[in-house]
Protein backbone atom coordinates (compact mmCIF):
# COMPACT_ATOMS: atom_id res chain seq x y z
CA MET A 1 48.85 8.02 -73.43
CA TYR A 2 49.49 11.80 -73.87
CA LYS A 3 47.35 14.18 -71.89
CA PRO A 4 47.17 17.59 -73.04
CA GLN A 5 47.96 20.14 -70.73
CA SER A 6 45.36 23.31 -69.92
CA PRO A 7 47.29 26.69 -71.02
CA THR A 8 47.29 27.64 -67.41
CA GLN A 9 49.07 24.41 -66.35
CA GLN A 10 51.63 24.96 -69.31
CA LEU A 11 52.21 28.72 -67.94
CA ALA A 12 52.61 27.18 -64.06
CA ASP A 13 55.12 24.27 -65.55
CA TYR A 14 57.04 27.54 -67.13
CA ILE A 15 56.47 29.58 -64.23
CA GLU A 16 58.31 27.04 -61.87
CA LYS A 17 61.38 26.24 -64.06
CA ASN A 18 62.20 29.94 -64.20
CA LEU A 19 61.71 30.01 -60.39
CA ASP A 20 64.00 27.02 -60.03
CA LYS A 21 66.52 29.26 -62.31
CA GLY A 22 66.06 32.03 -59.56
CA TYR A 23 63.72 34.69 -61.48
CA THR A 24 61.29 36.48 -59.18
CA SER A 25 57.67 35.82 -59.57
CA ASP A 26 57.03 39.44 -60.30
CA SER A 27 59.82 39.54 -62.86
CA LEU A 28 58.46 36.66 -64.61
CA LYS A 29 54.88 38.38 -64.51
CA PHE A 30 55.69 41.56 -66.13
CA SER A 31 57.46 39.45 -68.37
CA LEU A 32 54.57 37.52 -69.45
CA MET A 33 51.89 40.12 -69.10
CA SER A 34 53.88 41.77 -71.90
CA GLN A 35 53.79 38.79 -74.27
CA GLY A 36 50.34 39.12 -74.14
CA TYR A 37 49.11 37.00 -71.61
CA SER A 38 46.32 38.28 -69.16
CA ARG A 39 47.02 39.30 -65.87
CA ILE A 40 44.38 37.24 -64.64
CA SER A 41 46.03 33.91 -66.35
CA VAL A 42 49.28 34.66 -65.32
CA GLU A 43 47.97 35.38 -61.60
CA LYS A 44 46.46 31.80 -61.86
CA ALA A 45 49.51 30.32 -63.28
CA ILE A 46 51.87 31.59 -60.61
CA GLU A 47 49.42 30.13 -57.86
CA LEU A 48 49.53 27.09 -59.47
CA ALA A 49 53.22 27.00 -59.57
CA ASN A 50 53.64 28.20 -55.98
CA LYS A 51 51.26 25.10 -55.13
CA SER A 52 53.44 22.49 -56.41
CA ILE A 53 56.47 24.05 -55.29
CA ALA A 54 55.01 24.08 -51.55
CA GLU A 55 54.27 20.27 -52.13
CA LYS A 56 57.66 19.33 -53.00
CA ILE A 57 59.21 20.94 -49.70
CA PRO A 58 59.24 18.47 -46.79
CA PRO A 59 57.56 19.65 -43.88
CA ILE A 60 59.83 20.61 -41.07
CA LYS A 61 60.12 17.93 -37.83
CA GLU A 62 62.42 19.53 -35.01
CA LYS A 63 61.34 22.53 -33.28
CA PRO A 64 63.17 25.88 -33.19
CA GLN A 65 65.36 26.29 -30.44
CA ILE A 66 65.86 29.90 -28.89
CA THR A 67 69.82 30.43 -28.12
CA TYR A 68 70.85 33.54 -26.09
CA LYS A 69 74.08 34.73 -26.38
CA VAL A 70 75.11 37.17 -23.19
CA ILE A 71 78.12 39.12 -23.37
CA THR A 72 79.50 40.84 -19.92
CA GLU A 73 81.35 43.83 -19.39
CA ASP A 74 84.77 41.51 -19.09
CA ASN A 75 83.85 40.29 -22.53
CA THR A 76 83.18 37.01 -21.45
CA GLU A 77 80.31 35.04 -23.13
CA THR A 78 77.43 32.79 -21.91
CA ILE A 79 75.41 30.72 -24.35
CA THR A 80 72.33 29.33 -23.34
CA THR A 81 69.55 27.38 -25.11
CA MET A 82 66.09 27.10 -24.08
CA PRO A 83 63.07 24.89 -25.45
CA LEU A 84 60.54 26.84 -26.88
CA LYS A 85 57.66 26.73 -24.07
CA LYS A 86 54.73 28.99 -23.94
CA LYS A 87 53.51 30.23 -20.62
CA PRO A 88 49.45 30.34 -20.44
CA TRP A 89 48.33 33.80 -20.79
CA TRP A 90 46.45 33.93 -17.42
CA ARG A 91 49.96 32.79 -15.42
CA THR A 92 51.03 36.34 -16.50
CA LEU A 93 48.00 37.90 -14.15
CA PHE A 94 49.15 36.00 -11.17
CA GLU A 95 52.92 36.65 -11.34
């Protein structure tokens, strides 16, 4: 059964398609407002489009690694990776 979409949802779909094509949200906002859409409806549609895009992105499951590259005076490189581990703030008081 066909379920009609609200005008804001139609705008959000249009914005989402054009964001996938590479347009910026500012350029879409300007062009839609110059076509006669109100700023409030365009901003709500951009917010809806951003929410639906964010739902499609899978969450990051791996922790970031910090890599240090040390170059000495004789041009030798040392690369070290360290796991991301935070020190408690109170440890800085006693060190």
